[in-house]
PDB file of N, CA and C in Angstrom:
ATOM      1  N   PRO A   1       0.817  -1.208   0.000  1.00  0.00           N
ATOM      2  CA  PRO A   1       0.000   0.000   0.000  1.00  0.00           C
ATOM      3  C   PRO A   1       0.856   1.266   0.000  1.00  0.00           C
ATOM      4  N   GLN A   2       0.194   2.394  -0.235  1.00  0.00           N
ATOM      5  CA  GLN A   2       0.908   3.667  -0.291  1.00  0.00           C
ATOM      6  C   GLN A   2       1.554   4.019   1.037  1.00  0.00           C
ATOM      7  N   ALA A   3       0.953   3.620   2.127  1.00  0.00           N
ATOM      8  CA  ALA A   3       1.498   3.956   3.445  1.00  0.00           C
ATOM      9  C   ALA A   3       2.878   3.343   3.634  1.00  0.00           C
ATOM     10  N   VAL A   4       3.068   2.127   3.147  1.00  0.00           N
ATOM     11  CA  VAL A   4       4.365   1.454   3.269  1.00  0.00           C
ATOM     12  C   VAL A   4       5.413   2.202   2.456  1.00  0.00           C
ATOM     13  N   VAL A   5       5.040   2.587   1.244  1.00  0.00           N
ATOM     14  CA  VAL A   5       5.969   3.320   0.376  1.00  0.00           C
ATOM     15  C   VAL A   5       6.294   4.677   0.994  1.00  0.00           C
ATOM     16  N   ALA A   6       5.284   5.360   1.519  1.00  0.00           N
ATOM     17  CA  ALA A   6       5.502   6.681   2.115  1.00  0.00           C
ATOM     18  C   ALA A   6       6.473   6.594   3.283  1.00  0.00           C
ATOM     19  N   ARG A   7       6.313   5.578   4.128  1.00  0.00           N
ATOM     20  CA  ARG A   7       7.239   5.416   5.258  1.00  0.00           C
ATOM     21  C   ARG A   7       8.649   5.117   4.763  1.00  0.00           C
ATOM     22  N   ALA A   8       8.759   4.280   3.740  1.00  0.00           N
ATOM     23  CA  ALA A   8      10.076   3.910   3.220  1.00  0.00           C
ATOM     24  C   ALA A   8      10.782   5.104   2.579  1.00  0.00           C
ATOM     25  N   VAL A   9      10.022   5.967   1.933  1.00  0.00           N
ATOM     26  CA  VAL A   9      10.594   7.122   1.241  1.00  0.00           C
ATOM     27  C   VAL A   9      10.735   8.310   2.195  1.00  0.00           C
ATOM     28  N   ASP A  10      10.168   8.205   3.386  1.00  0.00           N
ATOM     29  CA  ASP A  10      10.238   9.237   4.414  1.00  0.00           C
ATOM     30  C   ASP A  10       9.487  10.505   4.014  1.00  0.00           C
ATOM     31  N   VAL A  11       8.261  10.304   3.503  1.00  0.00           N
ATOM     32  CA  VAL A  11       7.338  11.406   3.237  1.00  0.00           C
ATOM     33  C   VAL A  11       5.988  11.025   3.832  1.00  0.00           C
ATOM     34  N   SER A  12       5.109  11.989   3.941  1.00  0.00           N
ATOM     35  CA  SER A  12       3.782  11.688   4.471  1.00  0.00           C
ATOM     36  C   SER A  12       2.954  10.967   3.408  1.00  0.00           C
ATOM     37  N   GLU A  13       1.908  10.295   3.867  1.00  0.00           N
ATOM     38  CA  GLU A  13       1.025   9.605   2.929  1.00  0.00           C
ATOM     39  C   GLU A  13       0.355  10.603   1.996  1.00  0.00           C
ATOM     40  N   ALA A  14       0.023  11.781   2.510  1.00  0.00           N
ATOM     41  CA  ALA A  14      -0.607  12.811   1.684  1.00  0.00           C
ATOM     42  C   ALA A  14       0.343  13.295   0.592  1.00  0.00           C
ATOM     43  N   THR A  15       1.611  13.453   0.933  1.00  0.00           N
ATOM     44  CA  THR A  15       2.598  13.880  -0.061  1.00  0.00           C
ATOM     45  C   THR A  15       2.735  12.843  -1.156  1.00  0.00           C
ATOM     46  N   LEU A  16       2.804  11.574  -0.772  1.00  0.00           N
ATOM     47  CA  LEU A  16       2.919  10.515  -1.773  1.00  0.00           C
ATOM     48  C   LEU A  16       1.665  10.455  -2.639  1.00  0.00           C
ATOM     49  N   ALA A  17       0.501  10.669  -2.050  1.00  0.00           N
ATOM     50  CA  ALA A  17      -0.737  10.678  -2.827  1.00  0.00           C
ATOM     51  C   ALA A  17      -0.731  11.817  -3.842  1.00  0.00           C
ATOM     52  N   GLN A  18      -0.209  12.983  -3.458  1.00  0.00           N
ATOM     53  CA  GLN A  18      -0.112  14.106  -4.390  1.00  0.00           C
ATOM     54  C   GLN A  18       0.831  13.791  -5.546  1.00  0.00           C
ATOM     55  N   ILE A  19       1.922  13.095  -5.243  1.00  0.00           N
ATOM     56  CA  ILE A  19       2.875  12.713  -6.289  1.00  0.00           C
ATOM     57  C   ILE A  19       2.219  11.738  -7.256  1.00  0.00           C
ATOM     58  N   VAL A  20       1.578  10.721  -6.720  1.00  0.00           N
ATOM     59  CA  VAL A  20       0.986   9.670  -7.552  1.00  0.00           C
ATOM     60  C   VAL A  20      -0.209  10.192  -8.346  1.00  0.00           C
ATOM     61  N   ASN A  21      -1.102  10.907  -7.688  1.00  0.00           N
ATOM     62  CA  ASN A  21      -2.358  11.299  -8.329  1.00  0.00           C
ATOM     63  C   ASN A  21      -2.269  12.554  -9.181  1.00  0.00           C
ATOM     64  N   HIS A  22      -1.405  13.495  -8.800  1.00  0.00           N
ATOM     65  CA  HIS A  22      -1.404  14.789  -9.478  1.00  0.00           C
ATOM     66  C   HIS A  22      -0.036  15.222  -9.992  1.00  0.00           C
ATOM     67  N   ASN A  23       0.972  14.377  -9.854  1.00  0.00           N
ATOM     68  CA  ASN A  23       2.328  14.729 -10.261  1.00  0.00           C
ATOM     69  C   ASN A  23       2.773  16.021  -9.570  1.00  0.00           C
ATOM     70  N   ALA A  24       2.353  16.198  -8.323  1.00  0.00           N
ATOM     71  CA  ALA A  24       2.707  17.383  -7.541  1.00  0.00           C
ATOM     72  C   ALA A  24       3.786  16.996  -6.545  1.00  0.00           C
ATOM     73  N   TRP A  25       5.029  17.319  -6.882  1.00  0.00           N
ATOM     74  CA  TRP A  25       6.170  16.980  -6.038  1.00  0.00           C
ATOM     75  C   TRP A  25       6.317  18.025  -4.955  1.00  0.00           C
ATOM     76  N   PRO A  26       6.905  17.667  -3.825  1.00  0.00           N
ATOM     77  CA  PRO A  26       7.086  18.656  -2.755  1.00  0.00           C
ATOM     78  C   PRO A  26       7.996  19.787  -3.215  1.00  0.00           C
ATOM     79  N   ARG A  27       7.753  20.957  -2.693  1.00  0.00           N
ATOM     80  CA  ARG A  27       8.552  22.123  -3.104  1.00  0.00           C
ATOM     81  C   ARG A  27       9.958  22.066  -2.539  1.00  0.00           C
ATOM     82  N   THR A  28      10.098  21.514  -1.354  1.00  0.00           N
ATOM     83  CA  THR A  28      11.430  21.406  -0.766  1.00  0.00           C
ATOM     84  C   THR A  28      12.028  20.060  -1.138  1.00  0.00           C
ATOM     85  N   SER A  29      13.139  20.089  -1.769  1.00  0.00           N
ATOM     86  CA  SER A  29      13.929  18.926  -2.190  1.00  0.00           C
ATOM     87  C   SER A  29      13.143  17.871  -2.965  1.00  0.00           C
ATOM     88  N   PRO A  30      12.544  18.249  -4.110  1.00  0.00           N
ATOM     89  CA  PRO A  30      11.850  17.239  -4.905  1.00  0.00           C
ATOM     90  C   PRO A  30      12.813  16.209  -5.496  1.00  0.00           C
ATOM     91  N   GLY A  31      14.042  16.636  -5.805  1.00  0.00           N
ATOM     92  CA  GLY A  31      15.033  15.705  -6.343  1.00  0.00           C
ATOM     93  C   GLY A  31      15.405  14.626  -5.346  1.00  0.00           C
ATOM     94  N   GLU A  32      15.515  15.010  -4.086  1.00  0.00           N
ATOM     95  CA  GLU A  32      15.847  14.052  -3.033  1.00  0.00           C
ATOM     96  C   GLU A  32      14.721  13.034  -2.855  1.00  0.00           C
ATOM     97  N   VAL A  33      13.480  13.502  -2.875  1.00  0.00           N
ATOM     98  CA  VAL A  33      12.336  12.590  -2.743  1.00  0.00           C
ATOM     99  C   VAL A  33      12.289  11.650  -3.941  1.00  0.00           C
ATOM    100  N   ARG A  34      12.549  12.189  -5.123  1.00  0.00           N
ATOM    101  CA  ARG A  34      12.547  11.371  -6.341  1.00  0.00           C
ATOM    102  C   ARG A  34      13.638  10.300  -6.268  1.00  0.00           C
ATOM    103  N   ARG A  35      14.819  10.679  -5.755  1.00  0.00           N
ATOM    104  CA  ARG A  35      15.920   9.724  -5.634  1.00  0.00           C
ATOM    105  C   ARG A  35      15.565   8.612  -4.645  1.00  0.00           C
ATOM    106  N   ARG A  36      15.001   8.996  -3.486  1.00  0.00           N
ATOM    107  CA  ARG A  36      14.619   7.985  -2.490  1.00  0.00           C
ATOM    108  C   ARG A  36      13.531   7.063  -3.024  1.00  0.00           C
ATOM    109  N   LEU A  37      12.579   7.631  -3.764  1.00  0.00           N
ATOM    110  CA  LEU A  37      11.509   6.813  -4.339  1.00  0.00           C
ATOM    111  C   LEU A  37      12.070   5.852  -5.379  1.00  0.00           C
ATOM    112  N   ALA A  38      12.982   6.339  -6.218  1.00  0.00           N
ATOM    113  CA  ALA A  38      13.587   5.472  -7.228  1.00  0.00           C
ATOM    114  C   ALA A  38      14.396   4.358  -6.580  1.00  0.00           C
ATOM    115  N   SER A  39      15.134   4.665  -5.529  1.00  0.00           N
ATOM    116  CA  SER A  39      15.926   3.619  -4.874  1.00  0.00           C
ATOM    117  C   SER A  39      15.019   2.598  -4.192  1.00  0.00           C
ATOM    118  N   TRP A  40      13.886   3.036  -3.630  1.00  0.00           N
ATOM    119  CA  TRP A  40      12.956   2.081  -3.021  1.00  0.00           C
ATOM    120  C   TRP A  40      12.343   1.181  -4.086  1.00  0.00           C
ATOM    121  N   LEU A  41      11.983   1.775  -5.230  1.00  0.00           N
ATOM    122  CA  LEU A  41      11.418   0.964  -6.316  1.00  0.00           C
ATOM    123  C   LEU A  41      12.433  -0.064  -6.806  1.00  0.00           C
ATOM    124  N   GLU A  42      13.703   0.343  -6.920  1.00  0.00           N
ATOM    125  CA  GLU A  42      14.750  -0.594  -7.338  1.00  0.00           C
ATOM    126  C   GLU A  42      14.926  -1.709  -6.320  1.00  0.00           C
ATOM    127  N   SER A  43      14.807  -1.389  -5.038  1.00  0.00           N
ATOM    128  CA  SER A  43      14.943  -2.425  -4.010  1.00  0.00           C
ATOM    129  C   SER A  43      13.792  -3.428  -4.073  1.00  0.00           C
ATOM    130  N   GLN A  44      12.690  -3.026  -4.682  1.00  0.00           N
ATOM    131  CA  GLN A  44      11.551  -3.926  -4.847  1.00  0.00           C
ATOM    132  C   GLN A  44      11.603  -4.675  -6.175  1.00  0.00           C
ATOM    133  N   GLY A  45      12.689  -4.471  -6.928  1.00  0.00           N
ATOM    134  CA  GLY A  45      12.867  -5.175  -8.192  1.00  0.00           C
ATOM    135  C   GLY A  45      12.176  -4.514  -9.369  1.00  0.00           C
ATOM    136  N   ILE A  46      11.881  -3.231  -9.258  1.00  0.00           N
ATOM    137  CA  ILE A  46      11.208  -2.503 -10.330  1.00  0.00           C
ATOM    138  C   ILE A  46      12.247  -1.684 -11.078  1.00  0.00           C
ATOM    139  N   ASP A  47      12.254  -1.821 -12.417  1.00  0.00           N
ATOM    140  CA  ASP A  47      13.194  -1.073 -13.249  1.00  0.00           C
ATOM    141  C   ASP A  47      12.777   0.397 -13.262  1.00  0.00           C
ATOM    142  N   THR A  48      13.670   1.276 -12.858  1.00  0.00           N
ATOM    143  CA  THR A  48      13.332   2.698 -12.752  1.00  0.00           C
ATOM    144  C   THR A  48      14.012   3.558 -13.812  1.00  0.00           C
ATOM    145  N   THR A  49      14.546   2.934 -14.865  1.00  0.00           N
ATOM    146  CA  THR A  49      15.255   3.736 -15.863  1.00  0.00           C
ATOM    147  C   THR A  49      14.324   4.723 -16.555  1.00  0.00           C
ATOM    148  N   LYS A  50      13.076   4.336 -16.776  1.00  0.00           N
ATOM    149  CA  LYS A  50      12.128   5.239 -17.437  1.00  0.00           C
ATOM    150  C   LYS A  50      10.917   5.516 -16.549  1.00  0.00           C
ATOM    151  N   SER A  51      11.102   5.407 -15.251  1.00  0.00           N
ATOM    152  CA  SER A  51       9.974   5.554 -14.327  1.00  0.00           C
ATOM    153  C   SER A  51       9.327   6.925 -14.387  1.00  0.00           C
ATOM    154  N   PHE A  52      10.120   7.964 -14.484  1.00  0.00           N
ATOM    155  CA  PHE A  52       9.567   9.306 -14.409  1.00  0.00           C
ATOM    156  C   PHE A  52       9.485   9.979 -15.775  1.00  0.00           C
ATOM    157  N   ASP A  53       9.779   9.244 -16.858  1.00  0.00           N
ATOM    158  CA  ASP A  53       9.732   9.838 -18.190  1.00  0.00           C
ATOM    159  C   ASP A  53       8.318  10.246 -18.585  1.00  0.00           C
ATOM    160  N   ALA A  54       7.338   9.424 -18.278  1.00  0.00           N
ATOM    161  CA  ALA A  54       5.960   9.716 -18.678  1.00  0.00           C
ATOM    162  C   ALA A  54       5.445  10.975 -18.000  1.00  0.00           C
ATOM    163  N   VAL A  55       5.817  11.183 -16.761  1.00  0.00           N
ATOM    164  CA  VAL A  55       5.320  12.354 -16.046  1.00  0.00           C
ATOM    165  C   VAL A  55       6.091  13.615 -16.396  1.00  0.00           C
ATOM    166  N   GLN A  56       7.273  13.483 -16.959  1.00  0.00           N
ATOM    167  CA  GLN A  56       8.038  14.672 -17.327  1.00  0.00           C
ATOM    168  C   GLN A  56       7.321  15.458 -18.420  1.00  0.00           C
ATOM    169  N   GLY A  57       6.746  14.761 -19.396  1.00  0.00           N
ATOM    170  CA  GLY A  57       6.072  15.438 -20.496  1.00  0.00           C
ATOM    171  C   GLY A  57       4.608  15.697 -20.234  1.00  0.00           C
ATOM    172  N   ALA A  58       4.111  15.282 -19.103  1.00  0.00           N
ATOM    173  CA  ALA A  58       2.690  15.464 -18.797  1.00  0.00           C
ATOM    174  C   ALA A  58       2.386  16.934 -18.565  1.00  0.00           C
ATOM    175  N   ALA A  59       1.159  17.283 -18.831  1.00  0.00           N
ATOM    176  CA  ALA A  59       0.732  18.664 -18.619  1.00  0.00           C
ATOM    177  C   ALA A  59       0.765  18.989 -17.133  1.00  0.00           C
ATOM    178  N   THR A  60       1.156  20.206 -16.847  1.00  0.00           N
ATOM    179  CA  THR A  60       1.198  20.612 -15.443  1.00  0.00           C
ATOM    180  C   THR A  60      -0.214  20.943 -14.984  1.00  0.00           C
ATOM    181  N   PRO A  61      -0.492  20.768 -13.711  1.00  0.00           N
ATOM    182  CA  PRO A  61      -1.826  21.079 -13.218  1.00  0.00           C
ATOM    183  C   PRO A  61      -2.135  22.563 -13.339  1.00  0.00           C
ATOM    184  N   ARG A  62      -3.397  22.874 -13.508  1.00  0.00           N
ATOM    185  CA  ARG A  62      -3.835  24.248 -13.654  1.00  0.00           C
ATOM    186  C   ARG A  62      -3.694  24.981 -12.336  1.00  0.00           C
ATOM    187  N   THR A  63      -3.280  26.230 -12.396  1.00  0.00           N
ATOM    188  CA  THR A  63      -3.152  27.003 -11.165  1.00  0.00           C
ATOM    189  C   THR A  63      -4.500  27.602 -10.797  1.00  0.00           C
ATOM    190  N   ALA A  64      -4.606  28.061  -9.577  1.00  0.00           N
ATOM    191  CA  ALA A  64      -5.876  28.590  -9.084  1.00  0.00           C
ATOM    192  C   ALA A  64      -6.271  29.880  -9.796  1.00  0.00           C
ATOM    193  N   GLY A  65      -5.313  30.604 -10.352  1.00  0.00           N
ATOM    194  CA  GLY A  65      -5.621  31.873 -10.988  1.00  0.00           C
ATOM    195  C   GLY A  65      -6.206  31.756 -12.380  1.00  0.00           C
ATOM    196  N   THR A  66      -6.126  30.600 -13.013  1.00  0.00           N
ATOM    197  CA  THR A  66      -6.638  30.454 -14.363  1.00  0.00           C
ATOM    198  C   THR A  66      -8.112  30.105 -14.328  1.00  0.00           C
ATOM    199  N   THR A  67      -8.813  30.521 -15.379  1.00  0.00           N
ATOM    200  CA  THR A  67     -10.233  30.204 -15.473  1.00  0.00           C
ATOM    201  C   THR A  67     -10.510  29.494 -16.779  1.00  0.00           C
ATOM    202  N   ASP A  68     -11.532  28.724 -16.779  1.00  0.00           N
ATOM    203  CA  ASP A  68     -11.969  28.019 -17.969  1.00  0.00           C
ATOM    204  C   ASP A  68     -13.224  28.721 -18.472  1.00  0.00           C
ATOM    205  N   LYS A  69     -13.229  29.136 -19.742  1.00  0.00           N
ATOM    206  CA  LYS A  69     -14.345  29.923 -20.255  1.00  0.00           C
ATOM    207  C   LYS A  69     -15.659  29.156 -20.214  1.00  0.00           C
ATOM    208  N   THR A  70     -15.630  27.853 -20.450  1.00  0.00           N
ATOM    209  CA  THR A  70     -16.879  27.093 -20.443  1.00  0.00           C
ATOM    210  C   THR A  70     -17.479  27.050 -19.050  1.00  0.00           C
ATOM    211  N   SER A  71     -16.650  26.878 -18.038  1.00  0.00           N
ATOM    212  CA  SER A  71     -17.193  26.839 -16.680  1.00  0.00           C
ATOM    213  C   SER A  71     -17.681  28.216 -16.252  1.00  0.00           C
ATOM    214  N   LEU A  72     -17.045  29.278 -16.752  1.00  0.00           N
ATOM    215  CA  LEU A  72     -17.467  30.627 -16.398  1.00  0.00           C
ATOM    216  C   LEU A  72     -18.848  30.920 -16.965  1.00  0.00           C
ATOM    217  N   SER A  73     -19.087  30.578 -18.235  1.00  0.00           N
ATOM    218  CA  SER A  73     -20.401  30.830 -18.819  1.00  0.00           C
ATOM    219  C   SER A  73     -21.451  29.937 -18.176  1.00  0.00           C
ATOM    220  N   GLU A  74     -21.063  28.745 -17.775  1.00  0.00           N
ATOM    221  CA  GLU A  74     -21.983  27.843 -17.094  1.00  0.00           C
ATOM    222  C   GLU A  74     -22.395  28.432 -15.749  1.00  0.00           C
ATOM    223  N   GLU A  75     -21.462  29.058 -15.050  1.00  0.00           N
ATOM    224  CA  GLU A  75     -21.776  29.691 -13.772  1.00  0.00           C
ATOM    225  C   GLU A  75     -22.707  30.876 -13.966  1.00  0.00           C
ATOM    226  N   GLU A  76     -22.506  31.647 -15.026  1.00  0.00           N
ATOM    227  CA  GLU A  76     -23.377  32.788 -15.281  1.00  0.00           C
ATOM    228  C   GLU A  76     -24.807  32.333 -15.496  1.00  0.00           C
ATOM    229  N   ASN A  77     -24.983  31.211 -16.190  1.00  0.00           N
ATOM    230  CA  ASN A  77     -26.318  30.696 -16.440  1.00  0.00           C
ATOM    231  C   ASN A  77     -26.983  30.216 -15.164  1.00  0.00           C
ATOM    232  N   MET A  78     -26.203  29.835 -14.181  1.00  0.00           N
ATOM    233  CA  MET A  78     -26.760  29.287 -12.959  1.00  0.00           C
ATOM    234  C   MET A  78     -27.144  30.359 -11.941  1.00  0.00           C
ATOM    235  N   LEU A  79     -26.777  31.614 -12.195  1.00  0.00           N
ATOM    236  CA  LEU A  79     -27.120  32.677 -11.256  1.00  0.00           C
ATOM    237  C   LEU A  79     -28.627  32.897 -11.247  1.00  0.00           C
ATOM    238  N   LEU A  80     -29.184  33.039 -10.062  1.00  0.00           N
ATOM    239  CA  LEU A  80     -30.617  33.253  -9.922  1.00  0.00           C
ATOM    240  C   LEU A  80     -30.943  34.736 -10.001  1.00  0.00           C
ATOM    241  N   LYS A  81     -32.150  35.017 -10.473  1.00  0.00           N
ATOM    242  CA  LYS A  81     -32.610  36.399 -10.479  1.00  0.00           C
ATOM    243  C   LYS A  81     -32.858  36.837  -9.047  1.00  0.00           C
ATOM    244  N   LYS A  82     -32.771  38.137  -8.829  1.00  0.00           N
ATOM    245  CA  LYS A  82     -33.039  38.666  -7.494  1.00  0.00           C
ATOM    246  C   LYS A  82     -34.507  38.424  -7.154  1.00  0.00           C
ATOM    247  N   GLN A  83     -34.730  37.911  -5.974  1.00  0.00           N
ATOM    248  CA  GLN A  83     -36.092  37.652  -5.521  1.00  0.00           C
ATOM    249  C   GLN A  83     -36.395  38.579  -4.356  1.00  0.00           C
ATOM    250  N   VAL A  84     -37.576  39.164  -4.395  1.00  0.00           N
ATOM    251  CA  VAL A  84     -37.979  40.080  -3.331  1.00  0.00           C
ATOM    252  C   VAL A  84     -39.063  39.429  -2.487  1.00  0.00           C
ATOM    253  N   LEU A  85     -39.140  39.860  -1.254  1.00  0.00           N
ATOM    254  CA  LEU A  85     -40.169  39.345  -0.355  1.00  0.00           C
ATOM    255  C   LEU A  85     -41.472  40.118  -0.559  1.00  0.00           C
ATOM    256  N   PHE A  86     -42.579  39.430  -0.385  1.00  0.00           N
ATOM    257  CA  PHE A  86     -43.877  40.089  -0.465  1.00  0.00           C
ATOM    258  C   PHE A  86     -44.024  41.044   0.719  1.00  0.00           C
ATOM    259  N   PRO A  87     -44.763  42.136   0.527  1.00  0.00           N
ATOM    260  CA  PRO A  87     -44.965  43.074   1.639  1.00  0.00           C
ATOM    261  C   PRO A  87     -45.573  42.410   2.876  1.00  0.00           C
ATOM    262  N   ALA A  88     -46.474  41.466   2.680  1.00  0.00           N
ATOM    263  CA  ALA A  88     -47.087  40.779   3.818  1.00  0.00           C
ATOM    264  C   ALA A  88     -46.042  39.956   4.577  1.00  0.00           C
ATOM    265  N   THR A  89     -45.090  39.375   3.855  1.00  0.00           N
ATOM    266  CA  THR A  89     -44.025  38.591   4.484  1.00  0.00           C
ATOM    267  C   THR A  89     -43.121  39.499   5.303  1.00  0.00           C
ATOM    268  N   LYS A  90     -42.769  40.650   4.727  1.00  0.00           N
ATOM    269  CA  LYS A  90     -41.925  41.604   5.453  1.00  0.00           C
ATOM    270  C   LYS A  90     -42.605  42.050   6.742  1.00  0.00           C
ATOM    271  N   LYS A  91     -43.909  42.326   6.643  1.00  0.00           N
ATOM    272  CA  LYS A  91     -44.659  42.792   7.811  1.00  0.00           C
ATOM    273  C   LYS A  91     -44.748  41.695   8.872  1.00  0.00           C
ATOM    274  N   ALA A  92     -44.973  40.446   8.439  1.00  0.00           N
ATOM    275  CA  ALA A  92     -45.128  39.337   9.379  1.00  0.00           C
ATOM    276  C   ALA A  92     -43.847  39.089  10.168  1.00  0.00           C
ATOM    277  N   PHE A  93     -42.698  39.272   9.524  1.00  0.00           N
ATOM    278  CA  PHE A  93     -41.423  39.017  10.194  1.00  0.00           C
ATOM    279  C   PHE A  93     -40.760  40.289  10.718  1.00  0.00           C
ATOM    280  N   GLY A  94     -41.426  41.411  10.559  1.00  0.00           N
ATOM    281  CA  GLY A  94     -40.892  42.666  11.073  1.00  0.00           C
ATOM    282  C   GLY A  94     -39.665  43.143  10.318  1.00  0.00           C
ATOM    283  N   LEU A  95     -39.612  42.894   9.039  1.00  0.00           N
ATOM    284  CA  LEU A  95     -38.475  43.319   8.209  1.00  0.00           C
ATOM    285  C   LEU A  95     -38.859  44.601   7.490  1.00  0.00           C
ATOM    286  N   PHE A  96     -38.166  45.689   7.801  1.00  0.00           N
ATOM    287  CA  PHE A  96     -38.518  46.961   7.201  1.00  0.00           C
ATOM    288  C   PHE A  96     -37.581  47.327   6.053  1.00  0.00           C
ATOM    289  N   ARG A  97     -36.556  46.562   5.882  1.00  0.00           N
ATOM    290  CA  ARG A  97     -35.674  46.749   4.723  1.00  0.00           C
ATOM    291  C   ARG A  97     -35.381  45.368   4.149  1.00  0.00           C
ATOM    292  N   ASP A  98     -34.832  45.323   2.943  1.00  0.00           N
ATOM    293  CA  ASP A  98     -34.545  44.050   2.280  1.00  0.00           C
ATOM    294  C   ASP A  98     -33.349  43.384   2.958  1.00  0.00           C
ATOM    295  N   PRO A  99     -33.522  42.218   3.576  1.00  0.00           N
ATOM    296  CA  PRO A  99     -32.400  41.572   4.268  1.00  0.00           C
ATOM    297  C   PRO A  99     -31.361  40.980   3.317  1.00  0.00           C
ATOM    298  N   PHE A 100     -31.684  40.875   2.035  1.00  0.00           N
ATOM    299  CA  PHE A 100     -30.771  40.259   1.074  1.00  0.00           C
ATOM    300  C   PHE A 100     -29.997  41.289   0.270  1.00  0.00           C
ATOM    301  N   ALA A 101     -30.204  42.570   0.544  1.00  0.00           N
ATOM    302  CA  ALA A 101     -29.519  43.615  -0.219  1.00  0.00           C
ATOM    303  C   ALA A 101     -28.237  44.021   0.460  1.00  0.00           C
TER     304      ALA A 101
END
């Protein structure tokens, strides 16, 4: 399991999950973590000559500052129109101004 590998490589399980699932290496000493992971894989009899080649050319994850135009227009369509309370409702609850404004 991942927990065994994480302990052997001396990283947290969450860090190893980020590496495996999102190709997100730790910011501090990613080369050292990569070396320890490669040596652990070799000790398990796994050939590591091309282990990280596939992820080198992979697309990097999107940053939080970027937006996708399709999702933006989809969000605009999902916005609700402003709804006002009936005067009788305002009177019943003692609301003299719009609580949603």
